[in-house]
Amino acid sequence: MSNQFEAKVDIERPIGEVFAYLADGEHDREFSPRVIEIEKTSPGPTAVGTVYRSTVKDAGMKTAREFEINEFEPPNRIRWHERSKNLVTAVEGGYDLETTGEGGTRVRIFNVLEGHGVGKLLAGLAVGAARKDAPAFGQRIKAAVEAM
């Protein structure tokens, strides 16, 4: 079984606006309740090589995370990987955006999780919880983007 989860959502905003919002990783705390704080540690606009550092809370535990953007293709594609080594990490994640016939944007978000050490036992649980939350996660992204 894959350790990937994904969500798809249609957002009633043009693709350029949605991409710009999602490209600024500091917006993550607006739609992800697990993100306590997040900051961009690289200078300049988001691009390949940009790093974001965050503190998240999962299952009652706070962890520090560091993500690097490794693909950036406006307005359709963003990819990242986690540089930090926690019990469970996102080895790959991203957004895929496409326009809809109504002038809106369809967004697909995904993450591939991997366990390290004892985290190998936890990865399946983390993916299961993320899959269960995926539809609501997509709706939180939609609400945040449409509220801007």
N, C-alpha and C. Protein backbone atom coordinates (compact mmCIF):
# COMPACT_ATOMS: atom_id res chain seq x y z
N MET A 1 0.85 -1.19 0.00
CA MET A 1 0.00 0.00 0.00
C MET A 1 0.89 1.25 0.00
N SER A 2 0.52 2.17 -0.81
CA SER A 2 1.27 3.42 -0.92
C SER A 2 1.12 4.27 0.34
N ASN A 3 2.15 5.01 0.65
CA ASN A 3 2.09 5.94 1.78
C ASN A 3 1.76 7.34 1.29
N GLN A 4 0.89 7.43 0.30
CA GLN A 4 0.50 8.72 -0.27
C GLN A 4 -0.95 9.02 0.08
N PHE A 5 -1.21 10.30 0.33
CA PHE A 5 -2.59 10.76 0.42
C PHE A 5 -2.72 11.95 -0.50
N GLU A 6 -3.94 12.21 -0.94
CA GLU A 6 -4.17 13.36 -1.80
C GLU A 6 -5.58 13.88 -1.61
N ALA A 7 -5.74 15.12 -2.02
CA ALA A 7 -7.05 15.77 -2.01
C ALA A 7 -7.16 16.57 -3.30
N LYS A 8 -8.38 16.66 -3.80
CA LYS A 8 -8.66 17.49 -4.98
C LYS A 8 -9.81 18.41 -4.62
N VAL A 9 -9.72 19.65 -5.09
CA VAL A 9 -10.76 20.62 -4.79
C VAL A 9 -10.84 21.64 -5.91
N ASP A 10 -12.05 22.08 -6.21
CA ASP A 10 -12.26 23.16 -7.18
C ASP A 10 -12.43 24.46 -6.42
N ILE A 11 -11.67 25.47 -6.85
CA ILE A 11 -11.66 26.78 -6.19
C ILE A 11 -12.15 27.82 -7.18
N GLU A 12 -13.04 28.67 -6.72
CA GLU A 12 -13.63 29.70 -7.59
C GLU A 12 -12.76 30.95 -7.64
N ARG A 13 -11.53 30.75 -8.12
CA ARG A 13 -10.59 31.85 -8.33
C ARG A 13 -9.72 31.49 -9.53
N PRO A 14 -9.21 32.49 -10.25
CA PRO A 14 -8.33 32.21 -11.39
C PRO A 14 -7.05 31.50 -10.96
N ILE A 15 -6.52 30.71 -11.85
CA ILE A 15 -5.35 29.89 -11.55
C ILE A 15 -4.16 30.71 -11.05
N GLY A 16 -3.93 31.88 -11.61
CA GLY A 16 -2.80 32.71 -11.18
C GLY A 16 -2.92 33.13 -9.72
N GLU A 17 -4.13 33.49 -9.29
CA GLU A 17 -4.35 33.88 -7.89
C GLU A 17 -4.14 32.69 -6.95
N VAL A 18 -4.67 31.53 -7.35
CA VAL A 18 -4.54 30.34 -6.51
C VAL A 18 -3.08 29.93 -6.40
N PHE A 19 -2.37 29.94 -7.53
CA PHE A 19 -0.96 29.57 -7.51
C PHE A 19 -0.16 30.51 -6.61
N ALA A 20 -0.39 31.81 -6.74
CA ALA A 20 0.34 32.78 -5.93
C ALA A 20 0.09 32.55 -4.44
N TYR A 21 -1.15 32.25 -4.08
CA TYR A 21 -1.49 32.00 -2.68
C TYR A 21 -0.76 30.75 -2.17
N LEU A 22 -0.84 29.66 -2.92
CA LEU A 22 -0.23 28.41 -2.48
C LEU A 22 1.29 28.45 -2.53
N ALA A 23 1.85 29.26 -3.43
CA ALA A 23 3.31 29.37 -3.54
C ALA A 23 3.92 30.03 -2.31
N ASP A 24 3.14 30.81 -1.60
CA ASP A 24 3.60 31.43 -0.36
C ASP A 24 3.30 30.46 0.78
N GLY A 25 4.27 29.63 1.11
CA GLY A 25 4.08 28.60 2.12
C GLY A 25 3.67 29.13 3.49
N GLU A 26 3.88 30.42 3.73
CA GLU A 26 3.48 30.98 5.02
C GLU A 26 1.96 31.01 5.17
N HIS A 27 1.23 30.79 4.07
CA HIS A 27 -0.23 30.68 4.16
C HIS A 27 -0.67 29.34 4.74
N ASP A 28 0.23 28.37 4.84
CA ASP A 28 -0.16 27.03 5.30
C ASP A 28 -0.92 27.05 6.62
N ARG A 29 -0.52 27.92 7.53
CA ARG A 29 -1.18 27.93 8.84
C ARG A 29 -2.64 28.39 8.74
N GLU A 30 -3.03 29.01 7.61
CA GLU A 30 -4.41 29.47 7.43
C GLU A 30 -5.36 28.31 7.11
N PHE A 31 -4.83 27.18 6.63
CA PHE A 31 -5.70 26.06 6.28
C PHE A 31 -5.25 24.73 6.88
N SER A 32 -4.11 24.71 7.54
CA SER A 32 -3.63 23.48 8.16
C SER A 32 -3.53 23.68 9.67
N PRO A 33 -4.49 23.16 10.43
CA PRO A 33 -4.49 23.38 11.87
C PRO A 33 -3.29 22.77 12.59
N ARG A 34 -2.57 21.87 11.95
CA ARG A 34 -1.39 21.27 12.59
C ARG A 34 -0.19 22.20 12.56
N VAL A 35 -0.21 23.22 11.69
CA VAL A 35 0.91 24.16 11.58
C VAL A 35 0.77 25.23 12.65
N ILE A 36 1.71 25.26 13.58
CA ILE A 36 1.70 26.25 14.65
C ILE A 36 2.37 27.54 14.17
N GLU A 37 3.50 27.38 13.51
CA GLU A 37 4.19 28.54 12.92
C GLU A 37 4.97 28.07 11.70
N ILE A 38 5.19 29.00 10.78
CA ILE A 38 5.95 28.70 9.58
C ILE A 38 6.59 29.98 9.08
N GLU A 39 7.82 29.86 8.59
CA GLU A 39 8.51 31.02 8.05
C GLU A 39 9.39 30.60 6.88
N LYS A 40 9.52 31.50 5.93
CA LYS A 40 10.42 31.29 4.80
C LYS A 40 11.80 31.71 5.27
N THR A 41 12.78 30.83 5.11
CA THR A 41 14.13 31.15 5.58
C THR A 41 15.05 31.55 4.44
N SER A 42 14.56 31.52 3.22
CA SER A 42 15.34 31.91 2.04
C SER A 42 14.91 33.30 1.60
N PRO A 43 15.86 34.11 1.12
CA PRO A 43 15.49 35.45 0.64
C PRO A 43 14.77 35.38 -0.71
N GLY A 44 14.02 36.43 -1.01
CA GLY A 44 13.37 36.56 -2.31
C GLY A 44 12.08 35.79 -2.42
N PRO A 45 11.48 35.85 -3.61
CA PRO A 45 10.21 35.15 -3.82
C PRO A 45 10.42 33.63 -3.85
N THR A 46 9.35 32.89 -3.65
CA THR A 46 9.41 31.43 -3.69
C THR A 46 9.88 30.97 -5.07
N ALA A 47 10.83 30.04 -5.07
CA ALA A 47 11.40 29.48 -6.30
C ALA A 47 12.05 28.15 -5.93
N VAL A 48 12.59 27.45 -6.91
CA VAL A 48 13.34 26.23 -6.62
C VAL A 48 14.47 26.59 -5.65
N GLY A 49 14.58 25.82 -4.58
CA GLY A 49 15.60 26.06 -3.56
C GLY A 49 15.09 26.81 -2.34
N THR A 50 13.90 27.41 -2.42
CA THR A 50 13.33 28.11 -1.27
C THR A 50 13.09 27.10 -0.14
N VAL A 51 13.39 27.53 1.08
CA VAL A 51 13.21 26.67 2.26
C VAL A 51 12.22 27.33 3.22
N TYR A 52 11.31 26.51 3.73
CA TYR A 52 10.36 26.93 4.77
C TYR A 52 10.63 26.09 6.01
N ARG A 53 10.64 26.74 7.16
CA ARG A 53 10.81 26.06 8.44
C ARG A 53 9.51 26.22 9.22
N SER A 54 9.03 25.11 9.79
CA SER A 54 7.76 25.17 10.52
C SER A 54 7.83 24.37 11.81
N THR A 55 6.88 24.68 12.68
CA THR A 55 6.62 23.88 13.87
C THR A 55 5.20 23.38 13.71
N VAL A 56 5.04 22.05 13.83
CA VAL A 56 3.71 21.46 13.68
C VAL A 56 3.40 20.60 14.90
N LYS A 57 2.12 20.34 15.08
CA LYS A 57 1.69 19.49 16.19
C LYS A 57 0.87 18.35 15.61
N ASP A 58 1.39 17.14 15.78
CA ASP A 58 0.72 15.92 15.33
C ASP A 58 0.59 14.98 16.51
N ALA A 59 -0.61 14.49 16.72
CA ALA A 59 -0.86 13.52 17.80
C ALA A 59 -0.31 14.02 19.13
N GLY A 60 -0.43 15.32 19.37
CA GLY A 60 -0.01 15.91 20.63
C GLY A 60 1.48 16.22 20.74
N MET A 61 2.25 15.88 19.69
CA MET A 61 3.70 16.11 19.72
C MET A 61 4.06 17.26 18.78
N LYS A 62 4.89 18.19 19.28
CA LYS A 62 5.41 19.26 18.44
C LYS A 62 6.71 18.80 17.79
N THR A 63 6.84 19.10 16.51
CA THR A 63 8.09 18.79 15.80
C THR A 63 8.47 19.96 14.91
N ALA A 64 9.77 20.09 14.70
CA ALA A 64 10.29 21.11 13.78
C ALA A 64 10.46 20.45 12.42
N ARG A 65 10.06 21.18 11.38
CA ARG A 65 10.14 20.63 10.02
C ARG A 65 10.76 21.66 9.10
N GLU A 66 11.44 21.16 8.09
CA GLU A 66 12.06 22.04 7.11
C GLU A 66 11.79 21.45 5.72
N PHE A 67 11.17 22.25 4.87
CA PHE A 67 10.81 21.83 3.52
C PHE A 67 11.54 22.67 2.50
N GLU A 68 11.92 22.03 1.39
CA GLU A 68 12.58 22.74 0.30
C GLU A 68 11.75 22.58 -0.98
N ILE A 69 11.56 23.68 -1.69
CA ILE A 69 10.87 23.64 -2.99
C ILE A 69 11.86 23.07 -4.01
N ASN A 70 11.47 21.99 -4.69
CA ASN A 70 12.38 21.41 -5.69
C ASN A 70 11.82 21.45 -7.11
N GLU A 71 10.58 21.86 -7.29
CA GLU A 71 10.01 22.14 -8.62
C GLU A 71 9.06 23.32 -8.46
N PHE A 72 9.11 24.23 -9.40
CA PHE A 72 8.28 25.43 -9.33
C PHE A 72 7.98 25.88 -10.75
N GLU A 73 6.77 25.57 -11.22
CA GLU A 73 6.37 25.85 -12.60
C GLU A 73 5.05 26.62 -12.60
N PRO A 74 5.11 27.96 -12.46
CA PRO A 74 3.89 28.77 -12.46
C PRO A 74 3.14 28.62 -13.78
N PRO A 75 1.84 28.57 -13.77
CA PRO A 75 0.94 28.53 -12.61
C PRO A 75 0.41 27.13 -12.33
N ASN A 76 1.17 26.07 -12.70
CA ASN A 76 0.60 24.73 -12.65
C ASN A 76 1.18 23.74 -11.65
N ARG A 77 2.40 23.95 -11.18
CA ARG A 77 3.03 22.86 -10.42
C ARG A 77 4.02 23.40 -9.38
N ILE A 78 3.89 22.85 -8.16
CA ILE A 78 4.86 23.09 -7.08
C ILE A 78 5.16 21.73 -6.46
N ARG A 79 6.43 21.46 -6.22
CA ARG A 79 6.85 20.24 -5.53
C ARG A 79 7.81 20.61 -4.41
N TRP A 80 7.74 19.83 -3.34
CA TRP A 80 8.64 20.03 -2.20
C TRP A 80 9.05 18.67 -1.64
N HIS A 81 10.09 18.71 -0.83
CA HIS A 81 10.48 17.54 -0.05
C HIS A 81 10.93 18.04 1.32
N GLU A 82 10.76 17.17 2.29
CA GLU A 82 11.14 17.53 3.66
C GLU A 82 12.62 17.23 3.87
N ARG A 83 13.36 18.23 4.34
CA ARG A 83 14.79 18.07 4.62
C ARG A 83 15.02 17.57 6.04
N SER A 84 14.10 17.84 6.94
CA SER A 84 14.24 17.40 8.33
C SER A 84 14.01 15.89 8.41
N LYS A 85 14.52 15.29 9.44
CA LYS A 85 14.34 13.85 9.66
C LYS A 85 13.60 13.64 10.97
N ASN A 86 12.30 13.56 10.88
CA ASN A 86 11.46 13.24 12.03
C ASN A 86 11.05 11.78 11.92
N LEU A 87 10.25 11.31 12.85
CA LEU A 87 9.81 9.91 12.80
C LEU A 87 9.07 9.62 11.49
N VAL A 88 8.23 10.57 11.06
CA VAL A 88 7.52 10.45 9.78
C VAL A 88 7.76 11.75 9.02
N THR A 89 8.22 11.63 7.78
CA THR A 89 8.51 12.82 6.97
C THR A 89 7.78 12.73 5.63
N ALA A 90 7.62 13.89 5.01
CA ALA A 90 7.06 13.97 3.66
C ALA A 90 8.23 13.93 2.68
N VAL A 91 8.45 12.78 2.06
CA VAL A 91 9.57 12.66 1.13
C VAL A 91 9.27 13.35 -0.19
N GLU A 92 7.99 13.53 -0.48
CA GLU A 92 7.57 14.28 -1.67
C GLU A 92 6.17 14.81 -1.41
N GLY A 93 5.93 16.00 -1.89
CA GLY A 93 4.60 16.59 -1.81
C GLY A 93 4.46 17.62 -2.90
N GLY A 94 3.22 18.04 -3.12
CA GLY A 94 3.07 19.06 -4.14
C GLY A 94 1.64 19.47 -4.40
N TYR A 95 1.55 20.49 -5.25
CA TYR A 95 0.28 20.98 -5.77
C TYR A 95 0.32 20.87 -7.28
N ASP A 96 -0.77 20.41 -7.87
CA ASP A 96 -1.00 20.46 -9.31
C ASP A 96 -2.24 21.31 -9.52
N LEU A 97 -2.15 22.31 -10.38
CA LEU A 97 -3.26 23.22 -10.64
C LEU A 97 -3.62 23.19 -12.11
N GLU A 98 -4.93 23.26 -12.39
CA GLU A 98 -5.41 23.37 -13.76
C GLU A 98 -6.66 24.23 -13.77
N THR A 99 -6.89 24.90 -14.88
CA THR A 99 -8.08 25.74 -14.98
C THR A 99 -9.30 24.85 -15.22
N THR A 100 -10.43 25.31 -14.72
CA THR A 100 -11.70 24.63 -14.99
C THR A 100 -12.44 25.43 -16.04
N GLY A 101 -13.45 24.85 -16.63
CA GLY A 101 -14.22 25.52 -17.66
C GLY A 101 -14.95 26.76 -17.17
N GLU A 102 -15.11 26.89 -15.89
CA GLU A 102 -15.84 28.02 -15.31
C GLU A 102 -14.92 29.16 -14.88
N GLY A 103 -13.66 29.12 -15.27
CA GLY A 103 -12.72 30.18 -14.89
C GLY A 103 -12.13 30.00 -13.50
N GLY A 104 -12.40 28.87 -12.90
CA GLY A 104 -11.84 28.56 -11.59
C GLY A 104 -10.60 27.70 -11.73
N THR A 105 -10.22 27.08 -10.63
CA THR A 105 -8.99 26.29 -10.60
C THR A 105 -9.23 24.98 -9.86
N ARG A 106 -8.79 23.90 -10.46
CA ARG A 106 -8.80 22.60 -9.77
C ARG A 106 -7.40 22.40 -9.18
N VAL A 107 -7.37 22.08 -7.88
CA VAL A 107 -6.10 21.87 -7.18
C VAL A 107 -6.05 20.43 -6.68
N ARG A 108 -4.93 19.80 -6.92
CA ARG A 108 -4.63 18.50 -6.33
C ARG A 108 -3.42 18.71 -5.42
N ILE A 109 -3.57 18.32 -4.16
CA ILE A 109 -2.44 18.34 -3.23
C ILE A 109 -2.16 16.90 -2.84
N PHE A 110 -0.88 16.58 -2.68
CA PHE A 110 -0.53 15.24 -2.23
C PHE A 110 0.74 15.29 -1.39
N ASN A 111 0.91 14.29 -0.57
CA ASN A 111 2.15 14.07 0.17
C ASN A 111 2.42 12.57 0.21
N VAL A 112 3.67 12.21 0.08
CA VAL A 112 4.12 10.83 0.25
C VAL A 112 4.91 10.80 1.56
N LEU A 113 4.43 10.02 2.51
CA LEU A 113 5.04 9.97 3.83
C LEU A 113 5.93 8.74 3.98
N GLU A 114 6.99 8.91 4.76
CA GLU A 114 7.93 7.82 5.00
C GLU A 114 8.32 7.81 6.47
N GLY A 115 8.34 6.63 7.06
CA GLY A 115 8.74 6.50 8.44
C GLY A 115 10.22 6.21 8.57
N HIS A 116 10.81 6.68 9.67
CA HIS A 116 12.23 6.45 9.97
C HIS A 116 12.32 5.84 11.36
N GLY A 117 13.11 4.78 11.50
CA GLY A 117 13.22 4.12 12.79
C GLY A 117 11.86 3.61 13.24
N VAL A 118 11.49 3.92 14.47
CA VAL A 118 10.18 3.51 14.98
C VAL A 118 9.05 4.17 14.20
N GLY A 119 9.37 5.26 13.50
CA GLY A 119 8.39 5.94 12.66
C GLY A 119 7.87 5.08 11.53
N LYS A 120 8.62 4.02 11.17
CA LYS A 120 8.13 3.09 10.14
C LYS A 120 6.83 2.45 10.58
N LEU A 121 6.68 2.25 11.88
CA LEU A 121 5.44 1.69 12.41
C LEU A 121 4.32 2.73 12.42
N LEU A 122 4.69 4.01 12.53
CA LEU A 122 3.71 5.08 12.62
C LEU A 122 3.26 5.62 11.27
N ALA A 123 4.05 5.40 10.23
CA ALA A 123 3.75 5.99 8.92
C ALA A 123 2.38 5.58 8.41
N GLY A 124 2.04 4.31 8.57
CA GLY A 124 0.72 3.84 8.12
C GLY A 124 -0.42 4.54 8.83
N LEU A 125 -0.25 4.74 10.14
CA LEU A 125 -1.27 5.46 10.91
C LEU A 125 -1.38 6.91 10.47
N ALA A 126 -0.23 7.54 10.22
CA ALA A 126 -0.22 8.94 9.78
C ALA A 126 -0.90 9.08 8.42
N VAL A 127 -0.60 8.16 7.50
CA VAL A 127 -1.23 8.20 6.18
C VAL A 127 -2.73 7.98 6.30
N GLY A 128 -3.13 7.03 7.14
CA GLY A 128 -4.56 6.77 7.33
C GLY A 128 -5.29 7.99 7.85
N ALA A 129 -4.70 8.67 8.82
CA ALA A 129 -5.32 9.89 9.37
C ALA A 129 -5.37 10.98 8.31
N ALA A 130 -4.29 11.12 7.53
CA ALA A 130 -4.25 12.15 6.48
C ALA A 130 -5.28 11.86 5.39
N ARG A 131 -5.42 10.59 5.01
CA ARG A 131 -6.43 10.23 4.00
C ARG A 131 -7.83 10.54 4.49
N LYS A 132 -8.08 10.24 5.76
CA LYS A 132 -9.40 10.50 6.33
C LYS A 132 -9.71 12.00 6.31
N ASP A 133 -8.69 12.83 6.58
CA ASP A 133 -8.87 14.28 6.63
C ASP A 133 -8.78 14.94 5.25
N ALA A 134 -8.31 14.22 4.23
CA ALA A 134 -8.02 14.83 2.93
C ALA A 134 -9.18 15.64 2.35
N PRO A 135 -10.42 15.14 2.32
CA PRO A 135 -11.50 15.97 1.76
C PRO A 135 -11.69 17.27 2.54
N ALA A 136 -11.63 17.21 3.86
CA ALA A 136 -11.77 18.42 4.68
C ALA A 136 -10.58 19.36 4.47
N PHE A 137 -9.39 18.79 4.30
CA PHE A 137 -8.19 19.58 4.04
C PHE A 137 -8.37 20.37 2.74
N GLY A 138 -8.85 19.69 1.71
CA GLY A 138 -9.12 20.38 0.44
C GLY A 138 -10.12 21.51 0.61
N GLN A 139 -11.15 21.27 1.40
CA GLN A 139 -12.16 22.32 1.63
C GLN A 139 -11.59 23.49 2.42
N ARG A 140 -10.65 23.21 3.34
CA ARG A 140 -10.01 24.31 4.08
C ARG A 140 -9.15 25.16 3.16
N ILE A 141 -8.46 24.52 2.22
CA ILE A 141 -7.68 25.27 1.23
C ILE A 141 -8.62 26.14 0.41
N LYS A 142 -9.71 25.57 -0.07
CA LYS A 142 -10.70 26.31 -0.87
C LYS A 142 -11.21 27.53 -0.10
N ALA A 143 -11.61 27.32 1.15
CA ALA A 143 -12.15 28.42 1.96
C ALA A 143 -11.11 29.52 2.16
N ALA A 144 -9.86 29.13 2.42
CA ALA A 144 -8.81 30.12 2.66
C ALA A 144 -8.53 30.93 1.40
N VAL A 145 -8.42 30.28 0.26
CA VAL A 145 -8.13 30.99 -0.99
C VAL A 145 -9.30 31.90 -1.37
N GLU A 146 -10.51 31.39 -1.26
CA GLU A 146 -11.68 32.19 -1.66
C GLU A 146 -11.94 33.34 -0.70
N ALA A 147 -11.39 33.29 0.51
CA ALA A 147 -11.59 34.38 1.48
C ALA A 147 -10.62 35.53 1.27
N MET A 148 -9.58 35.32 0.46
CA MET A 148 -8.59 36.39 0.28
C MET A 148 -9.08 37.48 -0.64
